[in-house]
């Protein structure tokens, strides 16, 4: 029920003159305290009964220089829609195709350097450490302009670092055959990739909020999956006919193309608002960190994020041991493993399309519950392969790996999509880079913890390059651990948050406190008025 005492306008907050004279002084004091850019939105209480005073929430409405929402949507293509599609579409495609040089690097470390399964997994996930610092890159991208932009220049810097890393491994033999130098190049590559990913994610989130385009993250995952399809196809083909350095060189050429596109892109053409720059960068960073802390303290943001992180970190990862088993015991060709990754990326692409069209409107908690159960069951497919049960039913190792090897990995990636969409929709204005990078950092840290747990489990049960007899037991432990997050599914919300149209996502703590104060004062005045009227009627 709309409150007759209040008027909702696009102009600064105003109050209609109420029929009760003693309200005037209190309402005028409240009006002076409100920010001029605030607008009152009426939010119905849980009860559907008509109430005199419903709960008030104060939301800040973004002003777009007098441009209406319909006009702003119609200007999508005119405000850099094509340019941002090329820049971010190519960026996510290259991000997905990073599996191509990493596949070659894994084979190089196993066949040329002769690493043990545990050492291989330890090197793989230790190189992800630069991605844990993503919140720092996100904060810098939010507050620090380089030239005339705060997103595109960071994309260019990140791509340049990747070109340097993979180019060095391709051209210099010592860089790829000496383990410390190889790790240094891999760390530099992941540093550049993390900076690029943070800037892209922030740009997509900011652009989606600006033009009210919901679910852009689904299309980003589609582009990444398409890159993974082509990357794994190319990787498997090249590894059969050329040494790994050729794969590094080809990927360096692809990164050079992305660098050329990012350098030719102008951030001003995207029509995004420019932040007010302050004289002190340190103060801006401190303020941005404070805003980030306020955002992640929201239960609607923190609880789903906690569940997503814990559900990954508590499952010991045995991917290095399984990879070595497939290449050293089953003697599978690189083309078979590469093609299995291709099929997995096609499955991820199909799942993303299905989610965007049909599953996005479903309650979030039951959807995640089903996906987690499927993930735990899909881990057991490695048990079937190691115990050679597939041969008993007439399925060869090559066919089984092609069809089922990547299923668990794909479900683990797909599980994150609803959380990413939710956080992007709730992201406060100006914190796009900080919040999305914080989520990415937490997920990356959880993967590292999961990998280290897997290394510890492999050492405890005695998995080595010459002894895989206890690998089935480790896979069973991994599958059971994947079922544990089902015990705290209450952290996952039932549905997507309902945000008032035109309201700012992610209200600050100060705004919510102000809302509660307004609600409390108006309710007190209502009670006082009813008491006054009751006493007057009694006297009559």
Protein backbone atom coordinates (compact mmCIF):
# COMPACT_ATOMS: atom_id res chain seq x y z
CA UNK A 1 0.00 0.00 0.00
CA UNK A 2 1.36 3.38 -0.94
CA UNK A 3 1.77 5.70 2.01
CA UNK A 4 -0.39 8.82 1.52
CA UNK A 5 2.02 10.88 3.61
CA UNK A 6 4.88 10.59 1.15
CA UNK A 7 5.48 11.62 -2.42
CA UNK A 8 7.91 9.71 -4.65
CA UNK A 9 9.60 11.89 -7.22
CA UNK A 10 12.72 11.95 -9.34
CA UNK A 11 13.66 15.26 -7.79
CA UNK A 12 15.30 15.62 -4.35
CA UNK A 13 13.32 14.02 -1.55
CA UNK A 14 10.23 16.03 -0.63
CA UNK A 15 7.34 15.45 1.77
CA UNK A 16 3.72 16.34 1.17
CA UNK A 17 2.10 18.33 3.90
CA UNK A 18 0.42 15.79 6.18
CA UNK A 19 -3.06 16.31 7.60
CA UNK A 20 -1.65 16.29 11.12
CA UNK A 21 -0.06 19.55 12.10
CA UNK A 22 2.26 18.24 14.77
CA UNK A 23 4.06 16.07 12.15
CA UNK A 24 5.44 19.12 10.35
CA UNK A 25 8.43 19.88 12.55
CA UNK A 26 9.71 16.31 12.70
CA UNK A 27 9.28 15.68 8.98
CA UNK A 28 11.06 18.92 8.09
CA UNK A 29 14.02 17.88 10.23
CA UNK A 30 14.14 14.52 8.48
CA UNK A 31 13.96 16.20 5.09
CA UNK A 32 16.98 18.40 5.83
CA UNK A 33 19.05 15.37 6.82
CA UNK A 34 18.45 13.52 3.55
CA UNK A 35 20.96 13.77 0.74
CA UNK A 36 19.66 15.72 -2.21
CA UNK A 37 20.25 12.78 -4.53
CA UNK A 38 18.14 10.37 -2.47
CA UNK A 39 14.68 9.18 -3.45
CA UNK A 40 12.21 7.43 -1.22
CA UNK A 41 11.01 4.02 -2.36
CA UNK A 42 8.15 2.28 -0.61
CA UNK A 43 8.83 -1.38 0.11
CA UNK A 44 5.96 -3.57 1.26
CA UNK A 45 6.38 -5.48 4.47
CA UNK A 46 6.19 -9.25 4.59
CA UNK A 47 2.53 -9.10 5.54
CA UNK A 48 0.20 -8.39 2.61
CA UNK A 49 -2.30 -6.55 4.78
CA UNK A 50 -2.87 -2.90 4.14
CA UNK A 51 -0.87 -1.00 6.71
CA UNK A 52 -0.79 2.69 7.41
CA UNK A 53 2.96 2.86 7.62
CA UNK A 54 4.98 0.38 5.56
CA UNK A 55 8.69 -0.16 5.85
CA UNK A 56 10.71 2.60 4.25
CA UNK A 57 14.01 1.97 2.50
CA UNK A 58 16.06 4.87 1.26
CA UNK A 59 17.75 4.15 -2.03
CA UNK A 60 19.99 6.35 -4.04
CA UNK A 61 18.79 6.65 -7.60
CA UNK A 62 21.41 7.11 -10.26
CA UNK A 63 20.78 10.18 -12.37
CA UNK A 64 21.74 9.89 -16.01
CA UNK A 65 21.74 13.52 -17.08
CA UNK A 66 17.99 13.54 -17.56
CA UNK A 67 17.98 10.55 -19.91
CA UNK A 68 15.11 8.13 -19.29
CA UNK A 69 15.62 4.39 -19.00
CA UNK A 70 13.99 3.63 -22.35
CA UNK A 71 16.12 6.23 -24.12
CA UNK A 72 19.25 4.89 -22.43
CA UNK A 73 18.49 1.33 -23.55
CA UNK A 74 17.85 2.54 -27.09
CA UNK A 75 21.28 4.22 -27.13
CA UNK A 76 23.07 0.97 -26.23
CA UNK A 77 24.71 0.53 -29.62
CA UNK A 78 25.52 4.22 -29.89
CA UNK A 79 27.33 4.24 -26.54
CA UNK A 80 30.06 1.75 -27.40
CA UNK A 81 28.05 -1.48 -27.44
CA UNK A 82 29.97 -2.79 -30.45
CA UNK A 83 33.38 -1.75 -29.12
CA UNK A 84 32.90 -3.31 -25.70
CA UNK A 85 31.59 -6.50 -27.33
CA UNK A 86 34.79 -6.86 -29.36
CA UNK A 87 37.09 -5.94 -26.48
CA UNK A 88 35.50 -8.11 -23.79
CA UNK A 89 34.32 -10.87 -26.14
CA UNK A 90 37.86 -11.36 -27.45
CA UNK A 91 39.22 -11.00 -23.92
CA UNK A 92 37.01 -13.75 -22.49
CA UNK A 93 37.71 -15.93 -25.53
CA UNK A 94 41.47 -15.60 -24.94
CA UNK A 95 40.92 -16.22 -21.23
CA UNK A 96 39.18 -19.50 -22.06
CA UNK A 97 41.90 -20.48 -24.54
CA UNK A 98 44.62 -20.22 -21.83
CA UNK A 99 44.04 -23.95 -21.32
CA UNK A 100 45.83 -24.42 -24.66
CA UNK A 101 49.36 -23.33 -23.55
CA UNK A 102 48.81 -24.78 -20.07
CA UNK A 103 48.04 -28.19 -21.57
CA UNK A 104 51.37 -28.02 -23.40
CA UNK A 105 53.09 -26.84 -20.22
CA UNK A 106 51.66 -29.77 -18.22
CA UNK A 107 52.92 -32.29 -20.76
CA UNK A 108 56.29 -30.51 -20.80
CA UNK A 109 56.63 -30.71 -17.01
CA UNK A 110 55.68 -34.40 -16.94
CA UNK A 111 57.58 -35.68 -19.99
CA UNK A 112 60.59 -33.33 -20.17
CA UNK A 113 61.13 -32.30 -16.54
CA UNK A 114 59.84 -35.59 -15.08
CA UNK A 115 57.83 -34.12 -12.20
CA UNK A 116 56.01 -36.37 -9.74
CA UNK A 117 52.15 -36.10 -9.61
CA UNK A 118 52.18 -34.23 -6.28
CA UNK A 119 54.96 -31.89 -7.44
CA UNK A 120 53.13 -31.20 -10.68
CA UNK A 121 49.95 -30.23 -8.85
CA UNK A 122 51.93 -28.17 -6.35
CA UNK A 123 53.59 -26.20 -9.17
CA UNK A 124 50.30 -25.77 -11.04
CA UNK A 125 48.43 -24.21 -8.15
CA UNK A 126 51.34 -22.33 -6.57
CA UNK A 127 51.50 -20.35 -9.79
CA UNK A 128 47.96 -19.14 -9.06
CA UNK A 129 49.15 -17.06 -6.10
CA UNK A 130 49.15 -13.74 -8.06
CA UNK A 131 45.41 -14.20 -8.55
CA UNK A 132 44.84 -14.10 -4.79
CA UNK A 133 45.77 -10.40 -4.88
CA UNK A 134 42.90 -9.61 -7.26
CA UNK A 135 41.12 -7.31 -4.76
CA UNK A 136 44.17 -5.02 -4.82
CA UNK A 137 44.01 -4.84 -8.61
CA UNK A 138 40.28 -4.22 -8.41
CA UNK A 139 40.64 -1.35 -5.94
CA UNK A 140 43.34 0.26 -8.07
CA UNK A 141 41.17 -0.14 -11.15
CA UNK A 142 38.25 1.51 -9.35
CA UNK A 143 40.11 4.58 -8.07
CA UNK A 144 43.26 5.08 -10.16
CA UNK A 145 42.97 6.34 -13.72
CA UNK A 146 45.74 5.69 -16.24
CA UNK A 147 45.40 8.32 -18.88
CA UNK A 148 41.69 8.73 -19.58
CA UNK A 149 40.55 5.26 -18.47
CA UNK A 150 40.47 2.97 -15.48
CA UNK A 151 39.57 -0.36 -17.16
CA UNK A 152 41.02 -0.59 -20.69
CA UNK A 153 44.57 0.50 -19.69
CA UNK A 154 44.69 -2.26 -17.07
CA UNK A 155 43.59 -4.78 -19.70
CA UNK A 156 46.49 -3.66 -21.89
CA UNK A 157 48.98 -3.93 -19.01
CA UNK A 158 47.84 -7.43 -18.12
CA UNK A 159 48.00 -8.66 -21.72
CA UNK A 160 51.51 -7.18 -22.09
CA UNK A 161 52.73 -9.16 -19.08
CA UNK A 162 51.30 -12.35 -20.56
CA UNK A 163 52.99 -11.69 -23.91
CA UNK A 164 56.29 -11.23 -22.09
CA UNK A 165 55.89 -14.45 -20.07
CA UNK A 166 54.81 -16.84 -22.83
CA UNK A 167 57.14 -15.23 -25.37
CA UNK A 168 60.08 -15.80 -23.06
CA UNK A 169 59.23 -19.49 -22.60
CA UNK A 170 58.78 -19.88 -26.37
CA UNK A 171 62.05 -18.21 -27.41
CA UNK A 172 64.48 -19.13 -24.62
CA UNK A 173 65.23 -22.76 -23.84
CA UNK A 174 66.53 -22.07 -20.34
CA UNK A 175 63.30 -20.33 -19.38
CA UNK A 176 61.22 -23.49 -20.01
CA UNK A 177 63.66 -26.25 -19.04
CA UNK A 178 64.88 -24.88 -15.70
CA UNK A 179 62.09 -25.27 -13.13
CA UNK A 180 62.66 -22.00 -11.16
CA UNK A 181 62.67 -19.88 -14.33
CA UNK A 182 59.62 -21.75 -15.65
CA UNK A 183 57.76 -21.04 -12.40
CA UNK A 184 58.76 -17.37 -12.61
CA UNK A 185 57.34 -17.11 -16.15
CA UNK A 186 54.15 -18.90 -15.10
CA UNK A 187 53.75 -16.51 -12.14
CA UNK A 188 54.23 -13.52 -14.45
CA UNK A 189 51.66 -14.95 -16.86
CA UNK A 190 49.08 -15.43 -14.11
CA UNK A 191 49.80 -11.94 -12.77
CA UNK A 192 48.97 -10.46 -16.17
CA UNK A 193 45.94 -12.71 -16.56
CA UNK A 194 44.58 -11.71 -13.14
CA UNK A 195 44.92 -7.98 -13.88
CA UNK A 196 43.20 -8.45 -17.24
CA UNK A 197 40.39 -10.54 -15.76
CA UNK A 198 39.72 -8.02 -12.98
CA UNK A 199 39.49 -5.13 -15.44
CA UNK A 200 37.24 -7.10 -17.82
CA UNK A 201 34.90 -8.28 -15.06
CA UNK A 202 34.63 -4.76 -13.66
CA UNK A 203 33.99 -3.30 -17.11
CA UNK A 204 31.23 -5.82 -17.82
CA UNK A 205 29.61 -5.30 -14.40
CA UNK A 206 29.80 -1.51 -14.67
CA UNK A 207 28.43 -1.50 -18.20
CA UNK A 208 25.59 -3.84 -17.24
CA UNK A 209 24.58 -1.67 -14.28
CA UNK A 210 24.86 1.51 -16.33
CA UNK A 211 22.55 0.29 -19.09
CA UNK A 212 20.51 -2.12 -16.93
CA UNK A 213 21.53 -5.21 -18.88
CA UNK A 214 21.10 -8.23 -16.63
CA UNK A 215 23.14 -11.45 -16.98
CA UNK A 216 26.12 -10.27 -19.04
CA UNK A 217 28.23 -12.71 -17.05
CA UNK A 218 26.45 -15.58 -18.84
CA UNK A 219 27.62 -14.30 -22.21
CA UNK A 220 31.12 -13.82 -20.82
CA UNK A 221 31.19 -17.47 -19.76
CA UNK A 222 29.94 -18.47 -23.22
CA UNK A 223 32.83 -16.63 -24.85
CA UNK A 224 35.26 -18.22 -22.41
CA UNK A 225 33.86 -21.69 -23.13
CA UNK A 226 34.12 -21.07 -26.89
CA UNK A 227 37.78 -20.13 -26.40
CA UNK A 228 38.31 -23.29 -24.39
CA UNK A 229 36.84 -25.40 -27.21
CA UNK A 230 39.17 -24.01 -29.87
CA UNK A 231 42.14 -23.82 -27.50
CA UNK A 232 41.96 -27.48 -26.52
CA UNK A 233 41.42 -28.57 -30.12
CA UNK A 234 44.47 -26.62 -31.24
CA UNK A 235 46.50 -27.73 -28.23
CA UNK A 236 45.88 -31.43 -28.77
CA UNK A 237 46.67 -31.13 -32.49
CA UNK A 238 49.90 -29.19 -32.01
CA UNK A 239 51.22 -31.43 -29.23
CA UNK A 240 51.04 -34.44 -31.55
CA UNK A 241 53.16 -32.79 -34.23
CA UNK A 242 55.23 -30.03 -32.61
CA UNK A 243 57.18 -29.43 -29.37
CA UNK A 244 55.54 -27.38 -26.56
CA UNK A 245 57.48 -24.24 -27.50
CA UNK A 246 55.39 -23.94 -30.69
CA UNK A 247 52.22 -23.89 -28.58
CA UNK A 248 53.74 -21.12 -26.44
CA UNK A 249 54.62 -19.16 -29.57
CA UNK A 250 51.15 -19.50 -31.10
CA UNK A 251 49.49 -18.33 -27.89
CA UNK A 252 51.87 -15.37 -27.77
CA UNK A 253 50.60 -14.39 -31.24
CA UNK A 254 46.99 -14.62 -30.01
CA UNK A 255 47.82 -12.42 -27.01
CA UNK A 256 49.47 -9.91 -29.36
CA UNK A 257 46.18 -9.64 -31.25
CA UNK A 258 44.32 -8.98 -28.00
CA UNK A 259 46.90 -6.35 -27.05
CA UNK A 260 46.39 -4.62 -30.39
CA UNK A 261 42.59 -4.54 -29.88
CA UNK A 262 42.87 -3.19 -26.33
CA UNK A 263 45.33 -0.47 -27.34
CA UNK A 264 42.97 0.66 -30.12
CA UNK A 265 39.90 0.77 -27.80
CA UNK A 266 38.84 4.06 -26.22
CA UNK A 267 37.09 3.81 -22.88
CA UNK A 268 35.34 7.15 -23.41
CA UNK A 269 33.28 5.60 -26.24
CA UNK A 270 31.53 3.25 -23.79
CA UNK A 271 29.57 6.10 -22.18
CA UNK A 272 30.56 5.23 -18.62
CA UNK A 273 30.57 7.96 -15.93
CA UNK A 274 33.93 9.24 -14.74
CA UNK A 275 34.68 9.16 -11.03
CA UNK A 276 35.69 12.30 -9.22
CA UNK A 277 39.45 12.18 -8.85
CA UNK A 278 40.99 13.20 -5.54
CA UNK A 279 44.41 14.63 -4.94
CA UNK A 280 45.50 11.74 -2.71
CA UNK A 281 45.57 8.26 -4.22
CA UNK A 282 46.17 6.73 -0.77
CA UNK A 283 42.97 8.31 0.59
CA UNK A 284 41.03 7.08 -2.44
CA UNK A 285 42.31 3.54 -1.93
CA UNK A 286 41.44 3.64 1.79
CA UNK A 287 37.94 4.87 1.00
CA UNK A 288 37.47 2.20 -1.64
CA UNK A 289 38.64 -0.51 0.77
CA UNK A 290 36.16 0.82 3.33
CA UNK A 291 33.35 0.65 0.75
CA UNK A 292 34.40 -2.89 -0.13
CA UNK A 293 34.30 -3.96 3.52
CA UNK A 294 30.82 -2.48 3.89
CA UNK A 295 29.65 -4.34 0.78
CA UNK A 296 30.97 -7.76 1.78
CA UNK A 297 29.51 -7.41 5.27
CA UNK A 298 26.05 -7.61 3.74
CA UNK A 299 24.53 -11.00 4.55
CA UNK A 300 23.04 -11.22 1.05
CA UNK A 301 26.58 -11.02 -0.31
CA UNK A 302 28.76 -12.62 2.36
CA UNK A 303 26.76 -15.80 3.04
CA UNK A 304 26.55 -17.06 -0.58
CA UNK A 305 30.21 -16.17 -1.04
CA UNK A 306 31.19 -18.12 2.09
CA UNK A 307 29.32 -21.19 0.84
CA UNK A 308 30.90 -21.02 -2.62
CA UNK A 309 34.42 -20.68 -1.19
CA UNK A 310 34.05 -23.41 1.43
CA UNK A 311 32.40 -25.82 -1.02
CA UNK A 312 35.54 -25.65 -3.17
CA UNK A 313 38.28 -25.46 -0.54
CA UNK A 314 37.14 -28.47 1.51
CA UNK A 315 37.34 -30.91 -1.44
CA UNK A 316 40.91 -32.29 -1.86
CA UNK A 317 41.88 -32.01 -5.52
CA UNK A 318 43.63 -34.95 -7.22
CA UNK A 319 43.77 -33.57 -10.75
CA UNK A 320 47.56 -33.88 -10.98
CA UNK A 321 47.50 -37.55 -9.96
CA UNK A 322 44.68 -38.35 -12.39
CA UNK A 323 46.49 -36.52 -15.22
CA UNK A 324 49.70 -38.45 -14.61
CA UNK A 325 47.74 -41.72 -14.42
CA UNK A 326 46.13 -41.02 -17.78
CA UNK A 327 49.43 -40.17 -19.49
CA UNK A 328 51.83 -42.60 -17.77
CA UNK A 329 49.69 -45.68 -17.07
CA UNK A 330 46.96 -45.53 -19.70
CA UNK A 331 49.35 -43.91 -22.22
CA UNK A 332 46.64 -41.68 -23.68
CA UNK A 333 47.61 -39.35 -26.53
CA UNK A 334 47.58 -35.59 -25.96
CA UNK A 335 44.90 -35.35 -28.66
CA UNK A 336 42.56 -37.53 -26.57
CA UNK A 337 43.04 -35.43 -23.45
CA UNK A 338 42.73 -32.22 -25.46
CA UNK A 339 39.54 -33.46 -27.13
CA UNK A 340 38.10 -34.39 -23.74
CA UNK A 341 38.64 -30.78 -22.67
CA UNK A 342 36.92 -29.64 -25.87
CA UNK A 343 33.87 -31.77 -25.12
CA UNK A 344 33.86 -30.41 -21.58
CA UNK A 345 33.92 -26.81 -22.81
CA UNK A 346 31.07 -27.56 -25.23
CA UNK A 347 29.11 -28.96 -22.30
CA UNK A 348 29.87 -25.82 -20.28
CA UNK A 349 28.73 -23.65 -23.19
CA UNK A 350 25.47 -25.60 -23.46
CA UNK A 351 24.89 -25.43 -19.70
CA UNK A 352 25.46 -21.69 -19.73
CA UNK A 353 22.93 -21.19 -22.54
CA UNK A 354 20.39 -23.37 -20.74
CA UNK A 355 20.94 -21.44 -17.50
CA UNK A 356 20.56 -18.08 -19.21
CA UNK A 357 17.31 -19.08 -20.91
CA UNK A 358 15.58 -21.45 -18.50
CA UNK A 359 17.34 -21.85 -15.14
CA UNK A 360 17.98 -18.22 -14.24
CA UNK A 361 14.44 -17.81 -12.88
CA UNK A 362 14.56 -20.95 -10.72
CA UNK A 363 15.17 -20.72 -6.95
CA UNK A 364 18.91 -20.57 -6.39
CA UNK A 365 19.20 -22.95 -3.44
CA UNK A 366 17.57 -26.03 -5.05
CA UNK A 367 19.57 -25.42 -8.24
CA UNK A 368 22.90 -25.30 -6.40
CA UNK A 369 21.85 -28.30 -4.31
CA UNK A 370 21.30 -30.41 -7.43
CA UNK A 371 24.52 -29.21 -9.09
CA UNK A 372 26.57 -30.04 -5.98
CA UNK A 373 25.17 -33.57 -5.83
CA UNK A 374 25.93 -34.08 -9.51
CA UNK A 375 29.46 -32.77 -8.93
CA UNK A 376 30.06 -35.27 -6.10
CA UNK A 377 28.78 -38.14 -8.26
CA UNK A 378 30.81 -37.05 -11.30
CA UNK A 379 34.04 -37.33 -9.27
CA UNK A 380 33.38 -41.07 -9.05
CA UNK A 381 33.83 -41.30 -12.83
CA UNK A 382 37.59 -41.13 -12.19
CA UNK A 383 37.14 -44.11 -9.85
CA UNK A 384 35.47 -46.02 -12.70
CA UNK A 385 38.42 -45.19 -14.98
CA UNK A 386 41.13 -46.11 -12.47
CA UNK A 387 39.44 -49.43 -11.57
CA UNK A 388 38.89 -50.07 -15.31
CA UNK A 389 35.18 -50.75 -14.77
CA UNK A 390 34.52 -49.10 -18.12
CA UNK A 391 36.34 -51.92 -19.92
CA UNK A 392 33.99 -54.41 -18.28
CA UNK A 393 30.98 -52.79 -19.95
CA UNK A 394 32.70 -52.46 -23.31
CA UNK A 395 33.80 -48.79 -23.19
CA UNK A 396 37.44 -48.15 -24.11
CA UNK A 397 39.62 -45.83 -22.06
CA UNK A 398 39.83 -43.31 -24.92
CA UNK A 399 36.04 -43.10 -25.34
CA UNK A 400 35.46 -42.92 -21.58
CA UNK A 401 37.99 -40.11 -21.13
CA UNK A 402 36.54 -38.23 -24.11
CA UNK A 403 32.98 -38.36 -22.79
CA UNK A 404 33.30 -38.19 -19.00
CA UNK A 405 36.78 -37.02 -17.95
CA UNK A 406 35.95 -33.30 -17.79
CA UNK A 407 32.43 -33.55 -16.36
CA UNK A 408 33.41 -32.85 -12.73
CA UNK A 409 35.56 -29.87 -13.72
CA UNK A 410 32.74 -28.40 -15.84
CA UNK A 411 30.16 -28.75 -13.07
CA UNK A 412 32.55 -27.06 -10.65
CA UNK A 413 32.85 -24.10 -13.04
CA UNK A 414 29.11 -23.95 -13.76
CA UNK A 415 28.31 -23.93 -10.03
CA UNK A 416 29.95 -20.50 -9.69
CA UNK A 417 27.83 -18.85 -12.41
CA UNK A 418 24.69 -18.15 -10.29
CA UNK A 419 26.86 -16.61 -7.56
CA UNK A 420 28.68 -14.39 -10.07
CA UNK A 421 25.39 -13.17 -11.57
CA UNK A 422 23.95 -12.47 -8.13
CA UNK A 423 26.94 -10.45 -6.96
CA UNK A 424 27.04 -8.50 -10.22
CA UNK A 425 23.38 -7.53 -9.76
CA UNK A 426 23.99 -6.42 -6.16
CA UNK A 427 27.30 -4.68 -6.83
CA UNK A 428 27.33 -1.10 -5.45
CA UNK A 429 28.11 1.63 -7.94
CA UNK A 430 31.82 2.41 -7.94
CA UNK A 431 32.78 -0.96 -6.39
CA UNK A 432 32.42 -3.10 -9.52
CA UNK A 433 36.12 -3.91 -9.77
CA UNK A 434 36.63 -4.34 -6.03
CA UNK A 435 33.72 -6.71 -5.39
CA UNK A 436 34.06 -8.89 -8.51
CA UNK A 437 37.81 -9.20 -7.94
CA UNK A 438 37.23 -10.07 -4.28
CA UNK A 439 34.98 -12.93 -5.35
CA UNK A 440 37.51 -14.11 -7.93
CA UNK A 441 40.30 -13.91 -5.35
CA UNK A 442 38.36 -15.94 -2.79
CA UNK A 443 37.55 -18.59 -5.39
CA UNK A 444 41.18 -18.75 -6.48
CA UNK A 445 42.37 -19.05 -2.89
CA UNK A 446 39.87 -21.84 -2.28
CA UNK A 447 41.23 -23.71 -5.34
CA UNK A 448 44.78 -23.38 -4.00
CA UNK A 449 43.69 -24.71 -0.59
CA UNK A 450 41.88 -27.57 -2.33
CA UNK A 451 44.99 -28.39 -4.37
CA UNK A 452 47.24 -28.35 -1.29
CA UNK A 453 44.80 -30.64 0.53
CA UNK A 454 44.97 -32.95 -2.49
CA UNK A 455 48.78 -32.95 -2.37
CA UNK A 456 48.65 -33.82 1.33
CA UNK A 457 46.13 -36.59 0.70
CA UNK A 458 48.26 -38.03 -2.13
CA UNK A 459 51.33 -38.08 0.12
CA UNK A 460 49.43 -39.68 3.00
CA UNK A 461 48.02 -42.54 0.95
CA UNK A 462 51.25 -42.94 -1.05
CA UNK A 463 50.42 -41.92 -4.62
CA UNK A 464 53.58 -41.65 -6.74
CA UNK A 465 54.45 -41.88 -10.43
CA UNK A 466 55.22 -45.58 -9.97
CA UNK A 467 52.38 -46.48 -7.58
CA UNK A 468 48.73 -45.56 -8.20
CA UNK A 469 47.18 -48.43 -6.23
CA UNK A 470 45.67 -46.10 -3.60
CA UNK A 471 44.31 -43.56 -6.10
CA UNK A 472 40.76 -45.09 -6.00
CA UNK A 473 40.64 -44.57 -2.23
CA UNK A 474 41.64 -40.93 -2.66
CA UNK A 475 38.90 -40.43 -5.26
CA UNK A 476 36.28 -41.82 -2.86
CA UNK A 477 37.46 -39.44 -0.13
CA UNK A 478 37.23 -36.57 -2.62
CA UNK A 479 33.65 -37.51 -3.57
CA UNK A 480 32.51 -37.78 0.06
CA UNK A 481 34.09 -34.41 0.85
CA UNK A 482 32.06 -32.86 -1.98
CA UNK A 483 28.84 -33.88 -0.20
CA UNK A 484 29.70 -32.08 3.05
CA UNK A 485 28.73 -28.56 1.78
CA UNK A 486 25.15 -29.83 1.47
CA UNK A 487 24.93 -29.64 5.27
CA UNK A 488 24.97 -25.83 5.28
CA UNK A 489 22.85 -25.03 2.23
CA UNK A 490 20.99 -22.41 4.31
CA UNK A 491 23.83 -20.02 3.42
CA UNK A 492 22.61 -20.09 -0.19
CA UNK A 493 19.63 -17.77 -0.77
CA UNK A 494 16.43 -19.17 -2.21
CA UNK A 495 16.07 -16.57 -4.95
CA UNK A 496 17.66 -13.56 -6.59
CA UNK A 497 17.47 -10.27 -4.65
CA UNK A 498 14.61 -7.98 -5.66
CA UNK A 499 16.09 -4.54 -6.25
CA UNK A 500 13.84 -1.52 -6.70
CA UNK A 501 13.88 -0.27 -10.25
CA UNK A 502 16.32 2.58 -10.51
CA UNK A 503 17.67 2.03 -7.04
CA UNK A 504 21.30 1.72 -6.28
CA UNK A 505 22.52 -1.80 -5.63
CA UNK A 506 24.06 -2.61 -2.32
CA UNK A 507 23.05 0.15 0.05
CA UNK A 508 25.68 1.21 2.49
CA UNK A 509 25.37 0.68 6.21
CA UNK A 510 24.80 4.38 6.70
CA UNK A 511 21.86 4.37 4.28
CA UNK A 512 20.26 1.36 5.98
CA UNK A 513 20.65 2.99 9.39
CA UNK A 514 19.03 6.15 8.07
CA UNK A 515 16.18 4.06 6.70
CA UNK A 516 15.62 2.40 10.06
CA UNK A 517 15.64 5.79 11.81
CA UNK A 518 13.03 7.19 9.43
CA UNK A 519 10.82 4.12 9.90
CA UNK A 520 11.14 4.31 13.67
CA UNK A 521 10.35 8.04 13.89
CA UNK A 522 7.33 7.83 11.59
CA UNK A 523 5.98 4.83 13.55
CA UNK A 524 6.42 6.73 16.84
CA UNK A 525 4.60 9.76 15.45
CA UNK A 526 1.79 7.50 14.23
CA UNK A 527 1.38 5.98 17.70
CA UNK A 528 1.46 9.43 19.32
CA UNK A 529 -1.19 10.69 16.91
CA UNK A 530 -3.52 7.76 17.59
CA UNK A 531 -3.14 8.27 21.35
CA UNK A 532 -3.89 11.98 20.94
CA UNK A 533 -7.00 11.30 18.91
CA UNK A 534 -8.14 8.67 21.41
CA UNK A 535 -7.80 11.10 24.35
CA UNK A 536 -9.70 13.82 22.45
CA UNK A 537 -12.57 11.46 21.70
CA UNK A 538 -12.65 10.33 25.35
CA UNK A 539 -12.90 13.95 26.51
CA UNK A 540 -15.78 14.57 24.12
